[in-house]
Amino acid sequence: MFGNMKDMMQQAQKMQFKMAEMQEKFKDIYVDGQAGGGLVKINMSCACKVKKIDIDPSLMTAEDKETLEDLIAAAVNNAIEAKDAKVKEETEDMMKSLGLPAGALGGGLPF
């Protein structure tokens, strides 16, 4: 029984190390989001740092201020969705590399 507990603790430490490693990796993985058929584009890291916002010049009028604001918000939200999907994919890959089921972080682990 104690050997099994020791194995579980080692597995937990290994997973903790891998998670910290992934957090660092996410700083260098970028995703894109867009809105308005590409009129507004966002490039953001998986650590939620916006690197670039690209706005089509046709939106740069005082009359389109509200539209532009809405499109920026939509593009950021789209980038966040892309980031969430990428983080999930990377996390599942990490779990598989540890020999754990992909959904293990969702409560499937015994510790």
PDB file of N, CA and C in Angstrom:
ATOM      1  N   MET A   1       0.820  -1.195   0.000  1.00  0.00           N
ATOM      2  CA  MET A   1       0.000   0.000   0.000  1.00  0.00           C
ATOM      3  C   MET A   1       0.864   1.260   0.000  1.00  0.00           C
ATOM      4  N   PHE A   2       1.937   1.273   0.817  1.00  0.00           N
ATOM      5  CA  PHE A   2       2.774   2.460   0.889  1.00  0.00           C
ATOM      6  C   PHE A   2       3.547   2.684  -0.408  1.00  0.00           C
ATOM      7  N   GLY A   3       3.906   1.596  -1.083  1.00  0.00           N
ATOM      8  CA  GLY A   3       4.584   1.729  -2.368  1.00  0.00           C
ATOM      9  C   GLY A   3       3.698   2.430  -3.373  1.00  0.00           C
ATOM     10  N   ASN A   4       2.412   2.098  -3.349  1.00  0.00           N
ATOM     11  CA  ASN A   4       1.448   2.719  -4.252  1.00  0.00           C
ATOM     12  C   ASN A   4       1.308   4.204  -3.933  1.00  0.00           C
ATOM     13  N   MET A   5       1.293   4.539  -2.646  1.00  0.00           N
ATOM     14  CA  MET A   5       1.191   5.941  -2.238  1.00  0.00           C
ATOM     15  C   MET A   5       2.435   6.701  -2.692  1.00  0.00           C
ATOM     16  N   LYS A   6       3.596   6.075  -2.552  1.00  0.00           N
ATOM     17  CA  LYS A   6       4.844   6.702  -2.985  1.00  0.00           C
ATOM     18  C   LYS A   6       4.805   6.957  -4.493  1.00  0.00           C
ATOM     19  N   ASP A   7       4.329   5.973  -5.251  1.00  0.00           N
ATOM     20  CA  ASP A   7       4.209   6.128  -6.703  1.00  0.00           C
ATOM     21  C   ASP A   7       3.259   7.273  -7.048  1.00  0.00           C
ATOM     22  N   MET A   8       2.157   7.355  -6.318  1.00  0.00           N
ATOM     23  CA  MET A   8       1.185   8.417  -6.576  1.00  0.00           C
ATOM     24  C   MET A   8       1.791   9.782  -6.283  1.00  0.00           C
ATOM     25  N   MET A   9       2.561   9.884  -5.216  1.00  0.00           N
ATOM     26  CA  MET A   9       3.189  11.153  -4.863  1.00  0.00           C
ATOM     27  C   MET A   9       4.234  11.552  -5.909  1.00  0.00           C
ATOM     28  N   GLN A  10       4.985  10.575  -6.385  1.00  0.00           N
ATOM     29  CA  GLN A  10       5.974  10.860  -7.430  1.00  0.00           C
ATOM     30  C   GLN A  10       5.272  11.320  -8.700  1.00  0.00           C
ATOM     31  N   GLN A  11       4.165  10.673  -9.038  1.00  0.00           N
ATOM     32  CA  GLN A  11       3.386  11.051 -10.222  1.00  0.00           C
ATOM     33  C   GLN A  11       2.849  12.480 -10.059  1.00  0.00           C
ATOM     34  N   ALA A  12       2.386  12.806  -8.857  1.00  0.00           N
ATOM     35  CA  ALA A  12       1.864  14.150  -8.596  1.00  0.00           C
ATOM     36  C   ALA A  12       2.971  15.194  -8.729  1.00  0.00           C
ATOM     37  N   GLN A  13       4.155  14.894  -8.224  1.00  0.00           N
ATOM     38  CA  GLN A  13       5.280  15.824  -8.352  1.00  0.00           C
ATOM     39  C   GLN A  13       5.674  16.005  -9.809  1.00  0.00           C
ATOM     40  N   LYS A  14       5.671  14.905 -10.545  1.00  0.00           N
ATOM     41  CA  LYS A  14       6.015  14.969 -11.964  1.00  0.00           C
ATOM     42  C   LYS A  14       4.999  15.842 -12.708  1.00  0.00           C
ATOM     43  N   MET A  15       3.724  15.662 -12.377  1.00  0.00           N
ATOM     44  CA  MET A  15       2.683  16.444 -13.030  1.00  0.00           C
ATOM     45  C   MET A  15       2.811  17.921 -12.652  1.00  0.00           C
ATOM     46  N   GLN A  16       3.135  18.203 -11.401  1.00  0.00           N
ATOM     47  CA  GLN A  16       3.314  19.587 -10.960  1.00  0.00           C
ATOM     48  C   GLN A  16       4.453  20.241 -11.737  1.00  0.00           C
ATOM     49  N   PHE A  17       5.551  19.521 -11.926  1.00  0.00           N
ATOM     50  CA  PHE A  17       6.672  20.039 -12.703  1.00  0.00           C
ATOM     51  C   PHE A  17       6.250  20.302 -14.149  1.00  0.00           C
ATOM     52  N   LYS A  18       5.525  19.342 -14.735  1.00  0.00           N
ATOM     53  CA  LYS A  18       5.073  19.492 -16.126  1.00  0.00           C
ATOM     54  C   LYS A  18       4.130  20.682 -16.275  1.00  0.00           C
ATOM     55  N   MET A  19       3.268  20.902 -15.273  1.00  0.00           N
ATOM     56  CA  MET A  19       2.337  22.030 -15.341  1.00  0.00           C
ATOM     57  C   MET A  19       3.098  23.356 -15.295  1.00  0.00           C
ATOM     58  N   ALA A  20       4.105  23.436 -14.446  1.00  0.00           N
ATOM     59  CA  ALA A  20       4.916  24.657 -14.384  1.00  0.00           C
ATOM     60  C   ALA A  20       5.647  24.872 -15.703  1.00  0.00           C
ATOM     61  N   GLU A  21       6.130  23.794 -16.274  1.00  0.00           N
ATOM     62  CA  GLU A  21       6.810  23.841 -17.567  1.00  0.00           C
ATOM     63  C   GLU A  21       5.846  24.349 -18.652  1.00  0.00           C
ATOM     64  N   MET A  22       4.607  23.854 -18.614  1.00  0.00           N
ATOM     65  CA  MET A  22       3.602  24.282 -19.597  1.00  0.00           C
ATOM     66  C   MET A  22       3.275  25.758 -19.455  1.00  0.00           C
ATOM     67  N   GLN A  23       3.185  26.248 -18.220  1.00  0.00           N
ATOM     68  CA  GLN A  23       2.882  27.666 -18.006  1.00  0.00           C
ATOM     69  C   GLN A  23       3.932  28.544 -18.681  1.00  0.00           C
ATOM     70  N   GLU A  24       5.182  28.148 -18.586  1.00  0.00           N
ATOM     71  CA  GLU A  24       6.257  28.888 -19.261  1.00  0.00           C
ATOM     72  C   GLU A  24       6.108  28.777 -20.777  1.00  0.00           C
ATOM     73  N   LYS A  25       5.780  27.594 -21.252  1.00  0.00           N
ATOM     74  CA  LYS A  25       5.624  27.357 -22.690  1.00  0.00           C
ATOM     75  C   LYS A  25       4.498  28.224 -23.268  1.00  0.00           C
ATOM     76  N   PHE A  26       3.417  28.406 -22.489  1.00  0.00           N
ATOM     77  CA  PHE A  26       2.276  29.178 -22.962  1.00  0.00           C
ATOM     78  C   PHE A  26       2.628  30.632 -23.246  1.00  0.00           C
ATOM     79  N   LYS A  27       3.677  31.141 -22.628  1.00  0.00           N
ATOM     80  CA  LYS A  27       4.104  32.509 -22.895  1.00  0.00           C
ATOM     81  C   LYS A  27       4.602  32.671 -24.328  1.00  0.00           C
ATOM     82  N   ASP A  28       5.022  31.572 -24.940  1.00  0.00           N
ATOM     83  CA  ASP A  28       5.592  31.619 -26.289  1.00  0.00           C
ATOM     84  C   ASP A  28       4.686  31.021 -27.365  1.00  0.00           C
ATOM     85  N   ILE A  29       3.492  30.591 -26.988  1.00  0.00           N
ATOM     86  CA  ILE A  29       2.541  30.053 -27.964  1.00  0.00           C
ATOM     87  C   ILE A  29       1.497  31.132 -28.225  1.00  0.00           C
ATOM     88  N   TYR A  30       1.345  31.501 -29.494  1.00  0.00           N
ATOM     89  CA  TYR A  30       0.414  32.563 -29.869  1.00  0.00           C
ATOM     90  C   TYR A  30      -0.751  32.027 -30.679  1.00  0.00           C
ATOM     91  N   VAL A  31      -1.912  32.626 -30.469  1.00  0.00           N
ATOM     92  CA  VAL A  31      -3.124  32.296 -31.213  1.00  0.00           C
ATOM     93  C   VAL A  31      -3.675  33.586 -31.801  1.00  0.00           C
ATOM     94  N   ASP A  32      -4.537  33.431 -32.789  1.00  0.00           N
ATOM     95  CA  ASP A  32      -5.154  34.590 -33.434  1.00  0.00           C
ATOM     96  C   ASP A  32      -6.654  34.570 -33.212  1.00  0.00           C
ATOM     97  N   GLY A  33      -7.217  35.750 -33.109  1.00  0.00           N
ATOM     98  CA  GLY A  33      -8.659  35.922 -33.051  1.00  0.00           C
ATOM     99  C   GLY A  33      -9.019  37.020 -34.034  1.00  0.00           C
ATOM    100  N   GLN A  34     -10.246  36.969 -34.514  1.00  0.00           N
ATOM    101  CA  GLN A  34     -10.675  38.002 -35.450  1.00  0.00           C
ATOM    102  C   GLN A  34     -12.169  38.236 -35.353  1.00  0.00           C
ATOM    103  N   ALA A  35     -12.592  39.346 -35.902  1.00  0.00           N
ATOM    104  CA  ALA A  35     -14.011  39.693 -35.939  1.00  0.00           C
ATOM    105  C   ALA A  35     -14.271  40.534 -37.182  1.00  0.00           C
ATOM    106  N   GLY A  36     -15.541  40.612 -37.543  1.00  0.00           N
ATOM    107  CA  GLY A  36     -15.928  41.413 -38.700  1.00  0.00           C
ATOM    108  C   GLY A  36     -15.332  40.893 -39.986  1.00  0.00           C
ATOM    109  N   GLY A  37     -15.251  39.570 -40.115  1.00  0.00           N
ATOM    110  CA  GLY A  37     -14.692  38.992 -41.339  1.00  0.00           C
ATOM    111  C   GLY A  37     -13.221  39.340 -41.538  1.00  0.00           C
ATOM    112  N   GLY A  38     -12.507  39.542 -40.424  1.00  0.00           N
ATOM    113  CA  GLY A  38     -11.076  39.838 -40.513  1.00  0.00           C
ATOM    114  C   GLY A  38     -10.748  41.320 -40.476  1.00  0.00           C
ATOM    115  N   LEU A  39     -11.751  42.169 -40.267  1.00  0.00           N
ATOM    116  CA  LEU A  39     -11.493  43.612 -40.191  1.00  0.00           C
ATOM    117  C   LEU A  39     -10.693  43.971 -38.936  1.00  0.00           C
ATOM    118  N   VAL A  40     -10.887  43.187 -37.882  1.00  0.00           N
ATOM    119  CA  VAL A  40     -10.114  43.359 -36.657  1.00  0.00           C
ATOM    120  C   VAL A  40      -9.491  42.015 -36.318  1.00  0.00           C
ATOM    121  N   LYS A  41      -8.160  42.025 -36.123  1.00  0.00           N
ATOM    122  CA  LYS A  41      -7.435  40.797 -35.803  1.00  0.00           C
ATOM    123  C   LYS A  41      -6.613  41.010 -34.543  1.00  0.00           C
ATOM    124  N   ILE A  42      -6.573  39.980 -33.700  1.00  0.00           N
ATOM    125  CA  ILE A  42      -5.820  40.020 -32.446  1.00  0.00           C
ATOM    126  C   ILE A  42      -4.833  38.856 -32.449  1.00  0.00           C
ATOM    127  N   ASN A  43      -3.594  39.121 -32.035  1.00  0.00           N
ATOM    128  CA  ASN A  43      -2.597  38.071 -31.841  1.00  0.00           C
ATOM    129  C   ASN A  43      -2.257  38.089 -30.354  1.00  0.00           C
ATOM    130  N   MET A  44      -2.462  36.937 -29.689  1.00  0.00           N
ATOM    131  CA  MET A  44      -2.339  36.877 -28.239  1.00  0.00           C
ATOM    132  C   MET A  44      -1.631  35.601 -27.829  1.00  0.00           C
ATOM    133  N   SER A  45      -0.832  35.679 -26.767  1.00  0.00           N
ATOM    134  CA  SER A  45      -0.173  34.485 -26.255  1.00  0.00           C
ATOM    135  C   SER A  45      -1.179  33.658 -25.460  1.00  0.00           C
ATOM    136  N   CYS A  46      -0.839  32.392 -25.239  1.00  0.00           N
ATOM    137  CA  CYS A  46      -1.686  31.541 -24.415  1.00  0.00           C
ATOM    138  C   CYS A  46      -1.560  31.906 -22.937  1.00  0.00           C
ATOM    139  N   ALA A  47      -0.728  32.883 -22.631  1.00  0.00           N
ATOM    140  CA  ALA A  47      -0.647  33.443 -21.280  1.00  0.00           C
ATOM    141  C   ALA A  47      -1.471  34.737 -21.220  1.00  0.00           C
ATOM    142  N   CYS A  48      -2.305  34.955 -22.230  1.00  0.00           N
ATOM    143  CA  CYS A  48      -3.231  36.103 -22.316  1.00  0.00           C
ATOM    144  C   CYS A  48      -2.550  37.459 -22.456  1.00  0.00           C
ATOM    145  N   LYS A  49      -1.412  37.499 -23.104  1.00  0.00           N
ATOM    146  CA  LYS A  49      -0.751  38.771 -23.391  1.00  0.00           C
ATOM    147  C   LYS A  49      -0.990  39.101 -24.862  1.00  0.00           C
ATOM    148  N   VAL A  50      -1.659  40.229 -25.110  1.00  0.00           N
ATOM    149  CA  VAL A  50      -1.933  40.641 -26.479  1.00  0.00           C
ATOM    150  C   VAL A  50      -0.649  41.187 -27.083  1.00  0.00           C
ATOM    151  N   LYS A  51      -0.257  40.609 -28.212  1.00  0.00           N
ATOM    152  CA  LYS A  51       0.969  41.027 -28.893  1.00  0.00           C
ATOM    153  C   LYS A  51       0.663  42.081 -29.950  1.00  0.00           C
ATOM    154  N   LYS A  52      -0.459  41.884 -30.665  1.00  0.00           N
ATOM    155  CA  LYS A  52      -0.748  42.782 -31.780  1.00  0.00           C
ATOM    156  C   LYS A  52      -2.251  42.873 -32.021  1.00  0.00           C
ATOM    157  N   ILE A  53      -2.684  44.065 -32.394  1.00  0.00           N
ATOM    158  CA  ILE A  53      -4.050  44.300 -32.846  1.00  0.00           C
ATOM    159  C   ILE A  53      -3.946  44.922 -34.226  1.00  0.00           C
ATOM    160  N   ASP A  54      -4.629  44.330 -35.182  1.00  0.00           N
ATOM    161  CA  ASP A  54      -4.625  44.845 -36.556  1.00  0.00           C
ATOM    162  C   ASP A  54      -6.047  45.277 -36.899  1.00  0.00           C
ATOM    163  N   ILE A  55      -6.207  46.557 -37.228  1.00  0.00           N
ATOM    164  CA  ILE A  55      -7.523  47.118 -37.540  1.00  0.00           C
ATOM    165  C   ILE A  55      -7.508  47.620 -38.970  1.00  0.00           C
ATOM    166  N   ASP A  56      -8.477  47.164 -39.739  1.00  0.00           N
ATOM    167  CA  ASP A  56      -8.602  47.606 -41.122  1.00  0.00           C
ATOM    168  C   ASP A  56      -8.842  49.117 -41.133  1.00  0.00           C
ATOM    169  N   PRO A  57      -8.109  49.855 -41.967  1.00  0.00           N
ATOM    170  CA  PRO A  57      -8.250  51.323 -42.015  1.00  0.00           C
ATOM    171  C   PRO A  57      -9.665  51.811 -42.321  1.00  0.00           C
ATOM    172  N   SER A  58     -10.477  50.988 -42.957  1.00  0.00           N
ATOM    173  CA  SER A  58     -11.842  51.419 -43.281  1.00  0.00           C
ATOM    174  C   SER A  58     -12.679  51.650 -42.024  1.00  0.00           C
ATOM    175  N   LEU A  59     -12.242  51.119 -40.894  1.00  0.00           N
ATOM    176  CA  LEU A  59     -12.981  51.295 -39.644  1.00  0.00           C
ATOM    177  C   LEU A  59     -12.550  52.531 -38.864  1.00  0.00           C
ATOM    178  N   MET A  60     -11.589  53.277 -39.396  1.00  0.00           N
ATOM    179  CA  MET A  60     -11.006  54.405 -38.673  1.00  0.00           C
ATOM    180  C   MET A  60     -11.748  55.715 -38.928  1.00  0.00           C
ATOM    181  N   THR A  61     -13.030  55.713 -38.669  1.00  0.00           N
ATOM    182  CA  THR A  61     -13.810  56.947 -38.786  1.00  0.00           C
ATOM    183  C   THR A  61     -14.553  57.174 -37.481  1.00  0.00           C
ATOM    184  N   ALA A  62     -14.837  58.420 -37.185  1.00  0.00           N
ATOM    185  CA  ALA A  62     -15.529  58.762 -35.943  1.00  0.00           C
ATOM    186  C   ALA A  62     -16.907  58.116 -35.882  1.00  0.00           C
ATOM    187  N   GLU A  63     -17.551  57.977 -37.044  1.00  0.00           N
ATOM    188  CA  GLU A  63     -18.891  57.392 -37.077  1.00  0.00           C
ATOM    189  C   GLU A  63     -18.875  55.908 -36.714  1.00  0.00           C
ATOM    190  N   ASP A  64     -17.745  55.250 -36.954  1.00  0.00           N
ATOM    191  CA  ASP A  64     -17.650  53.808 -36.708  1.00  0.00           C
ATOM    192  C   ASP A  64     -17.002  53.466 -35.369  1.00  0.00           C
ATOM    193  N   LYS A  65     -16.894  54.450 -34.474  1.00  0.00           N
ATOM    194  CA  LYS A  65     -16.242  54.226 -33.185  1.00  0.00           C
ATOM    195  C   LYS A  65     -16.880  53.063 -32.422  1.00  0.00           C
ATOM    196  N   GLU A  66     -18.194  53.061 -32.306  1.00  0.00           N
ATOM    197  CA  GLU A  66     -18.889  52.012 -31.563  1.00  0.00           C
ATOM    198  C   GLU A  66     -18.721  50.649 -32.243  1.00  0.00           C
ATOM    199  N   THR A  67     -18.803  50.642 -33.567  1.00  0.00           N
ATOM    200  CA  THR A  67     -18.600  49.398 -34.313  1.00  0.00           C
ATOM    201  C   THR A  67     -17.194  48.871 -34.088  1.00  0.00           C
ATOM    202  N   LEU A  68     -16.225  49.755 -34.135  1.00  0.00           N
ATOM    203  CA  LEU A  68     -14.834  49.363 -33.920  1.00  0.00           C
ATOM    204  C   LEU A  68     -14.643  48.785 -32.520  1.00  0.00           C
ATOM    205  N   GLU A  69     -15.212  49.447 -31.520  1.00  0.00           N
ATOM    206  CA  GLU A  69     -15.105  48.941 -30.153  1.00  0.00           C
ATOM    207  C   GLU A  69     -15.719  47.545 -30.024  1.00  0.00           C
ATOM    208  N   ASP A  70     -16.888  47.355 -30.649  1.00  0.00           N
ATOM    209  CA  ASP A  70     -17.543  46.042 -30.609  1.00  0.00           C
ATOM    210  C   ASP A  70     -16.698  44.979 -31.298  1.00  0.00           C
ATOM    211  N   LEU A  71     -16.098  45.339 -32.430  1.00  0.00           N
ATOM    212  CA  LEU A  71     -15.278  44.381 -33.169  1.00  0.00           C
ATOM    213  C   LEU A  71     -13.999  44.027 -32.412  1.00  0.00           C
ATOM    214  N   ILE A  72     -13.419  44.995 -31.733  1.00  0.00           N
ATOM    215  CA  ILE A  72     -12.214  44.710 -30.932  1.00  0.00           C
ATOM    216  C   ILE A  72     -12.573  43.739 -29.801  1.00  0.00           C
ATOM    217  N   ALA A  73     -13.676  44.009 -29.125  1.00  0.00           N
ATOM    218  CA  ALA A  73     -14.108  43.116 -28.041  1.00  0.00           C
ATOM    219  C   ALA A  73     -14.375  41.709 -28.579  1.00  0.00           C
ATOM    220  N   ALA A  74     -15.043  41.620 -29.716  1.00  0.00           N
ATOM    221  CA  ALA A  74     -15.337  40.312 -30.308  1.00  0.00           C
ATOM    222  C   ALA A  74     -14.054  39.590 -30.719  1.00  0.00           C
ATOM    223  N   ALA A  75     -13.090  40.320 -31.273  1.00  0.00           N
ATOM    224  CA  ALA A  75     -11.824  39.710 -31.684  1.00  0.00           C
ATOM    225  C   ALA A  75     -11.028  39.213 -30.477  1.00  0.00           C
ATOM    226  N   VAL A  76     -11.034  39.985 -29.397  1.00  0.00           N
ATOM    227  CA  VAL A  76     -10.351  39.549 -28.173  1.00  0.00           C
ATOM    228  C   VAL A  76     -11.019  38.285 -27.634  1.00  0.00           C
ATOM    229  N   ASN A  77     -12.339  38.271 -27.590  1.00  0.00           N
ATOM    230  CA  ASN A  77     -13.052  37.080 -27.116  1.00  0.00           C
ATOM    231  C   ASN A  77     -12.773  35.871 -28.007  1.00  0.00           C
ATOM    232  N   ASN A  78     -12.668  36.092 -29.304  1.00  0.00           N
ATOM    233  CA  ASN A  78     -12.346  35.017 -30.243  1.00  0.00           C
ATOM    234  C   ASN A  78     -10.939  34.493 -29.978  1.00  0.00           C
ATOM    235  N   ALA A  79     -10.000  35.391 -29.691  1.00  0.00           N
ATOM    236  CA  ALA A  79      -8.629  34.981 -29.377  1.00  0.00           C
ATOM    237  C   ALA A  79      -8.586  34.190 -28.072  1.00  0.00           C
ATOM    238  N   ILE A  80      -9.390  34.595 -27.100  1.00  0.00           N
ATOM    239  CA  ILE A  80      -9.446  33.867 -25.825  1.00  0.00           C
ATOM    240  C   ILE A  80      -9.982  32.451 -26.049  1.00  0.00           C
ATOM    241  N   GLU A  81     -10.986  32.311 -26.887  1.00  0.00           N
ATOM    242  CA  GLU A  81     -11.510  30.977 -27.212  1.00  0.00           C
ATOM    243  C   GLU A  81     -10.434  30.122 -27.880  1.00  0.00           C
ATOM    244  N   ALA A  82      -9.670  30.723 -28.788  1.00  0.00           N
ATOM    245  CA  ALA A  82      -8.582  29.997 -29.453  1.00  0.00           C
ATOM    246  C   ALA A  82      -7.505  29.608 -28.450  1.00  0.00           C
ATOM    247  N   LYS A  83      -7.217  30.504 -27.511  1.00  0.00           N
ATOM    248  CA  LYS A  83      -6.232  30.220 -26.456  1.00  0.00           C
ATOM    249  C   LYS A  83      -6.707  29.070 -25.589  1.00  0.00           C
ATOM    250  N   ASP A  84      -7.979  29.100 -25.190  1.00  0.00           N
ATOM    251  CA  ASP A  84      -8.527  28.028 -24.351  1.00  0.00           C
ATOM    252  C   ASP A  84      -8.437  26.669 -25.049  1.00  0.00           C
ATOM    253  N   ALA A  85      -8.728  26.648 -26.339  1.00  0.00           N
ATOM    254  CA  ALA A  85      -8.642  25.399 -27.096  1.00  0.00           C
ATOM    255  C   ALA A  85      -7.200  24.905 -27.161  1.00  0.00           C
ATOM    256  N   LYS A  86      -6.260  25.808 -27.362  1.00  0.00           N
ATOM    257  CA  LYS A  86      -4.843  25.431 -27.441  1.00  0.00           C
ATOM    258  C   LYS A  86      -4.338  24.935 -26.088  1.00  0.00           C
ATOM    259  N   VAL A  87      -4.722  25.607 -25.011  1.00  0.00           N
ATOM    260  CA  VAL A  87      -4.310  25.187 -23.665  1.00  0.00           C
ATOM    261  C   VAL A  87      -4.869  23.796 -23.370  1.00  0.00           C
ATOM    262  N   LYS A  88      -6.124  23.557 -23.734  1.00  0.00           N
ATOM    263  CA  LYS A  88      -6.725  22.235 -23.518  1.00  0.00           C
ATOM    264  C   LYS A  88      -5.955  21.169 -24.293  1.00  0.00           C
ATOM    265  N   GLU A  89      -5.641  21.463 -25.541  1.00  0.00           N
ATOM    266  CA  GLU A  89      -4.895  20.520 -26.377  1.00  0.00           C
ATOM    267  C   GLU A  89      -3.527  20.210 -25.773  1.00  0.00           C
ATOM    268  N   GLU A  90      -2.804  21.251 -25.361  1.00  0.00           N
ATOM    269  CA  GLU A  90      -1.471  21.069 -24.777  1.00  0.00           C
ATOM    270  C   GLU A  90      -1.547  20.307 -23.451  1.00  0.00           C
ATOM    271  N   THR A  91      -2.567  20.605 -22.654  1.00  0.00           N
ATOM    272  CA  THR A  91      -2.734  19.924 -21.366  1.00  0.00           C
ATOM    273  C   THR A  91      -3.025  18.439 -21.575  1.00  0.00           C
ATOM    274  N   GLU A  92      -3.896  18.133 -22.529  1.00  0.00           N
ATOM    275  CA  GLU A  92      -4.198  16.732 -22.822  1.00  0.00           C
ATOM    276  C   GLU A  92      -2.968  15.991 -23.321  1.00  0.00           C
ATOM    277  N   ASP A  93      -2.159  16.643 -24.143  1.00  0.00           N
ATOM    278  CA  ASP A  93      -0.917  16.024 -24.619  1.00  0.00           C
ATOM    279  C   ASP A  93       0.022  15.752 -23.447  1.00  0.00           C
ATOM    280  N   MET A  94       0.109  16.700 -22.512  1.00  0.00           N
ATOM    281  CA  MET A  94       0.970  16.520 -21.344  1.00  0.00           C
ATOM    282  C   MET A  94       0.476  15.357 -20.492  1.00  0.00           C
ATOM    283  N   MET A  95      -0.838  15.275 -20.304  1.00  0.00           N
ATOM    284  CA  MET A  95      -1.408  14.191 -19.499  1.00  0.00           C
ATOM    285  C   MET A  95      -1.113  12.834 -20.138  1.00  0.00           C
ATOM    286  N   LYS A  96      -1.265  12.760 -21.446  1.00  0.00           N
ATOM    287  CA  LYS A  96      -0.966  11.510 -22.152  1.00  0.00           C
ATOM    288  C   LYS A  96       0.501  11.133 -21.991  1.00  0.00           C
ATOM    289  N   SER A  97       1.396  12.139 -22.037  1.00  0.00           N
ATOM    290  CA  SER A  97       2.826  11.858 -21.897  1.00  0.00           C
ATOM    291  C   SER A  97       3.155  11.310 -20.509  1.00  0.00           C
ATOM    292  N   LEU A  98       2.308  11.612 -19.526  1.00  0.00           N
ATOM    293  CA  LEU A  98       2.492  11.097 -18.171  1.00  0.00           C
ATOM    294  C   LEU A  98       1.759   9.777 -17.967  1.00  0.00           C
ATOM    295  N   GLY A  99       1.075   9.315 -19.020  1.00  0.00           N
ATOM    296  CA  GLY A  99       0.332   8.067 -18.917  1.00  0.00           C
ATOM    297  C   GLY A  99      -0.990   8.208 -18.192  1.00  0.00           C
ATOM    298  N   LEU A 100      -1.508   9.417 -18.150  1.00  0.00           N
ATOM    299  CA  LEU A 100      -2.777   9.681 -17.479  1.00  0.00           C
ATOM    300  C   LEU A 100      -3.864   9.925 -18.516  1.00  0.00           C
ATOM    301  N   PRO A 101      -5.114   9.675 -18.145  1.00  0.00           N
ATOM    302  CA  PRO A 101      -6.206   9.967 -19.079  1.00  0.00           C
ATOM    303  C   PRO A 101      -6.307  11.470 -19.340  1.00  0.00           C
ATOM    304  N   ALA A 102      -6.725  11.827 -20.535  1.00  0.00           N
ATOM    305  CA  ALA A 102      -6.773  13.235 -20.949  1.00  0.00           C
ATOM    306  C   ALA A 102      -7.604  14.095 -19.989  1.00  0.00           C
ATOM    307  N   GLY A 103      -8.652  13.567 -19.414  1.00  0.00           N
ATOM    308  CA  GLY A 103      -9.516  14.341 -18.519  1.00  0.00           C
ATOM    309  C   GLY A 103      -9.108  14.289 -17.069  1.00  0.00           C
ATOM    310  N   ALA A 104      -7.921  13.797 -16.772  1.00  0.00           N
ATOM    311  CA  ALA A 104      -7.509  13.585 -15.383  1.00  0.00           C
ATOM    312  C   ALA A 104      -7.497  14.868 -14.558  1.00  0.00           C
ATOM    313  N   LEU A 105      -7.182  16.002 -15.165  1.00  0.00           N
ATOM    314  CA  LEU A 105      -7.155  17.254 -14.391  1.00  0.00           C
ATOM    315  C   LEU A 105      -8.545  17.722 -14.013  1.00  0.00           C
ATOM    316  N   GLY A 106      -9.556  17.184 -14.666  1.00  0.00           N
ATOM    317  CA  GLY A 106     -10.921  17.573 -14.357  1.00  0.00           C
ATOM    318  C   GLY A 106     -11.499  16.839 -13.164  1.00  0.00           C
ATOM    319  N   GLY A 107     -10.679  16.184 -12.379  1.00  0.00           N
ATOM    320  CA  GLY A 107     -11.164  15.522 -11.180  1.00  0.00           C
ATOM    321  C   GLY A 107     -11.015  14.019 -11.237  1.00  0.00           C
ATOM    322  N   GLY A 108     -10.381  13.504 -12.269  1.00  0.00           N
ATOM    323  CA  GLY A 108     -10.251  12.057 -12.397  1.00  0.00           C
ATOM    324  C   GLY A 108      -9.052  11.474 -11.688  1.00  0.00           C
ATOM    325  N   LEU A 109      -8.248  12.300 -11.046  1.00  0.00           N
ATOM    326  CA  LEU A 109      -7.076  11.785 -10.346  1.00  0.00           C
ATOM    327  C   LEU A 109      -7.430  11.431  -8.895  1.00  0.00           C
ATOM    328  N   PRO A 110      -6.776  10.412  -8.358  1.00  0.00           N
ATOM    329  CA  PRO A 110      -7.093  10.016  -6.977  1.00  0.00           C
ATOM    330  C   PRO A 110      -6.409  10.895  -5.940  1.00  0.00           C
ATOM    331  N   PHE A 111      -5.680  11.928  -6.314  1.00  0.00           N
ATOM    332  CA  PHE A 111      -5.020  12.796  -5.331  1.00  0.00           C
ATOM    333  C   PHE A 111      -5.310  14.236  -5.614  1.00  0.00           C
TER     334      PHE A 111
END
